[in-house]
C-alpha atoms as a PDB file:
ATOM      1  CA  MET A   1      -0.416   4.261 -33.886  1.00  0.00           C
ATOM      2  CA  GLY A   2       0.634   1.076 -35.511  1.00  0.00           C
ATOM      3  CA  PRO A   3       4.200  -0.049 -36.255  1.00  0.00           C
ATOM      4  CA  GLY A   4       6.352   1.953 -38.550  1.00  0.00           C
ATOM      5  CA  PHE A   5       7.491   0.799 -41.989  1.00  0.00           C
ATOM      6  CA  PHE A   6      10.521   1.884 -43.841  1.00  0.00           C
ATOM      7  CA  ILE A   7      11.541   1.496 -47.506  1.00  0.00           C
ATOM      8  CA  ILE A   8      14.754   1.927 -49.368  1.00  0.00           C
ATOM      9  CA  ALA A   9      15.009   4.861 -51.783  1.00  0.00           C
ATOM     10  CA  ILE A  10      17.836   4.966 -54.176  1.00  0.00           C
ATOM     11  CA  LEU A  11      19.123   8.485 -54.894  1.00  0.00           C
ATOM     12  CA  GLY A  12      21.294   9.778 -57.761  1.00  0.00           C
ATOM     13  CA  CYS A  13      23.638  12.571 -56.559  1.00  0.00           C
ATOM     14  CA  ALA A  14      25.745  15.207 -58.313  1.00  0.00           C
ATOM     15  CA  ASP A  15      27.782  18.001 -57.052  1.00  0.00           C
ATOM     16  CA  GLY A  16      29.477  16.142 -54.294  1.00  0.00           C
ATOM     17  CA  SER A  17      26.204  14.716 -52.929  1.00  0.00           C
ATOM     18  CA  ALA A  18      24.725  18.097 -52.418  1.00  0.00           C
ATOM     19  CA  ALA A  19      22.033  17.631 -55.047  1.00  0.00           C
ATOM     20  CA  CYS A  20      20.324  14.303 -54.752  1.00  0.00           C
ATOM     21  CA  THR A  21      17.378  13.101 -56.735  1.00  0.00           C
ATOM     22  CA  PRO A  22      15.222  10.054 -56.044  1.00  0.00           C
ATOM     23  CA  VAL A  23      15.715   7.566 -58.959  1.00  0.00           C
ATOM     24  CA  ALA A  24      14.025   4.318 -57.592  1.00  0.00           C
ATOM     25  CA  THR A  25      12.105   3.018 -54.678  1.00  0.00           C
ATOM     26  CA  MET A  26      12.461  -0.609 -53.576  1.00  0.00           C
ATOM     27  CA  PRO A  27       9.206  -2.437 -53.213  1.00  0.00           C
ATOM     28  CA  THR A  28      10.186  -4.256 -49.965  1.00  0.00           C
ATOM     29  CA  ARG A  29       8.877  -2.764 -46.726  1.00  0.00           C
ATOM     30  CA  TYR A  30      10.805  -3.176 -43.462  1.00  0.00           C
ATOM     31  CA  GLU A  31       9.257  -3.172 -39.968  1.00  0.00           C
ATOM     32  CA  SER A  32      12.254  -1.505 -38.453  1.00  0.00           C
ATOM     33  CA  ARG A  33      14.883   1.099 -39.488  1.00  0.00           C
ATOM     34  CA  ALA A  34      17.605  -1.260 -38.401  1.00  0.00           C
ATOM     35  CA  ALA A  35      16.326  -4.066 -40.857  1.00  0.00           C
ATOM     36  CA  CYS A  36      15.976  -1.502 -43.601  1.00  0.00           C
ATOM     37  CA  GLU A  37      19.566  -0.085 -43.087  1.00  0.00           C
ATOM     38  CA  ALA A  38      20.882  -3.616 -43.138  1.00  0.00           C
ATOM     39  CA  ALA A  39      19.426  -4.276 -46.613  1.00  0.00           C
ATOM     40  CA  THR A  40      20.701  -0.947 -48.170  1.00  0.00           C
ATOM     41  CA  VAL A  41      24.093  -2.404 -49.201  1.00  0.00           C
ATOM     42  CA  THR A  42      22.454  -5.316 -51.178  1.00  0.00           C
ATOM     43  CA  SER A  43      19.807  -2.952 -52.660  1.00  0.00           C
ATOM     44  CA  LEU A  44      22.470  -0.483 -53.724  1.00  0.00           C
ATOM     45  CA  ALA A  45      24.463  -3.245 -55.279  1.00  0.00           C
ATOM     46  CA  ALA A  46      21.541  -4.545 -57.254  1.00  0.00           C
ATOM     47  CA  ASN A  47      20.225  -1.126 -58.266  1.00  0.00           C
ATOM     48  CA  GLY A  48      23.295   1.169 -58.522  1.00  0.00           C
ATOM     49  CA  ASP A  49      23.402   1.530 -62.371  1.00  0.00           C
ATOM     50  CA  PHE A  50      22.135   5.031 -62.823  1.00  0.00           C
ATOM     51  CA  ASP A  51      23.807   7.743 -64.620  1.00  0.00           C
ATOM     52  CA  PHE A  52      25.012   9.870 -61.656  1.00  0.00           C
ATOM     53  CA  PRO A  53      28.454  10.345 -60.201  1.00  0.00           C
ATOM     54  CA  THR A  54      27.240   9.069 -56.873  1.00  0.00           C
ATOM     55  CA  VAL A  55      24.389   6.814 -56.013  1.00  0.00           C
ATOM     56  CA  LEU A  56      23.024   6.311 -52.391  1.00  0.00           C
ATOM     57  CA  ALA A  57      20.526   4.123 -50.612  1.00  0.00           C
ATOM     58  CA  GLN A  58      18.586   5.740 -47.854  1.00  0.00           C
ATOM     59  CA  CYS A  59      15.896   4.255 -45.614  1.00  0.00           C
ATOM     60  CA  ARG A  60      12.608   6.366 -45.363  1.00  0.00           C
ATOM     61  CA  PRO A  61       9.490   6.022 -43.362  1.00  0.00           C
ATOM     62  CA  ALA A  62       6.630   4.661 -45.389  1.00  0.00           C
ATOM     63  CA  LYS A  63       2.913   4.178 -44.767  1.00  0.00           C
ATOM     64  CA  ALA A  64       1.696   0.816 -43.875  1.00  0.00           C
ATOM     65  CA  PRO A  65       0.237  -1.376 -46.606  1.00  0.00           C
ATOM     66  CA  ALA A  66      -3.491  -0.893 -47.050  1.00  0.00           C
ATOM     67  CA  ALA A  67      -4.267  -4.375 -45.685  1.00  0.00           C
ATOM     68  CA  GLN A  68      -2.440  -3.693 -42.423  1.00  0.00           C
ATOM     69  CA  ARG A  69      -3.974  -0.120 -41.891  1.00  0.00           C
ATOM     70  CA  SER A  70      -6.825   0.023 -39.468  1.00  0.00           C
ATOM     71  CA  ALA A  71     -10.198   0.417 -41.080  1.00  0.00           C
ATOM     72  CA  PRO A  72     -11.784   3.736 -40.813  1.00  0.00           C
ATOM     73  CA  LEU A  73     -14.501   3.908 -38.108  1.00  0.00           C
ATOM     74  CA  GLN A  74     -17.993   3.525 -39.431  1.00  0.00           C
ATOM     75  CA  ARG A  75     -21.001   5.198 -37.887  1.00  0.00           C
ATOM     76  CA  GLN A  76     -24.466   3.745 -37.632  1.00  0.00           C
ATOM     77  CA  VAL A  77     -27.252   6.205 -37.849  1.00  0.00           C
ATOM     78  CA  VAL A  78     -30.179   5.320 -35.726  1.00  0.00           C
ATOM     79  CA  ASN A  79     -33.452   7.162 -36.011  1.00  0.00           C
ATOM     80  CA  THR A  80     -34.699   7.895 -32.700  1.00  0.00           C
ATOM     81  CA  ARG A  81     -37.965   9.604 -33.771  1.00  0.00           C
ATOM     82  CA  GLN A  82     -41.207   7.707 -33.583  1.00  0.00           C
ATOM     83  CA  SER A  83     -43.730   8.090 -36.253  1.00  0.00           C
END
């Protein structure tokens, strides 16, 4: 299994943060949860203008970009019958 990636999701919350809805996902991918969490304050400040009483930034696991995923195994079919 390769390295994990994290993205920042911006959530709009109502009812005392009991009901949160994802309203945006930041395009930047972080290689560690710590790096992601360090960027949440800046991301929230730049993207906190949604119509909710409370807006949160949360780090979530993400899939690796397609270029960094390992290629699927390919099988080569060999005909062993002689004609």
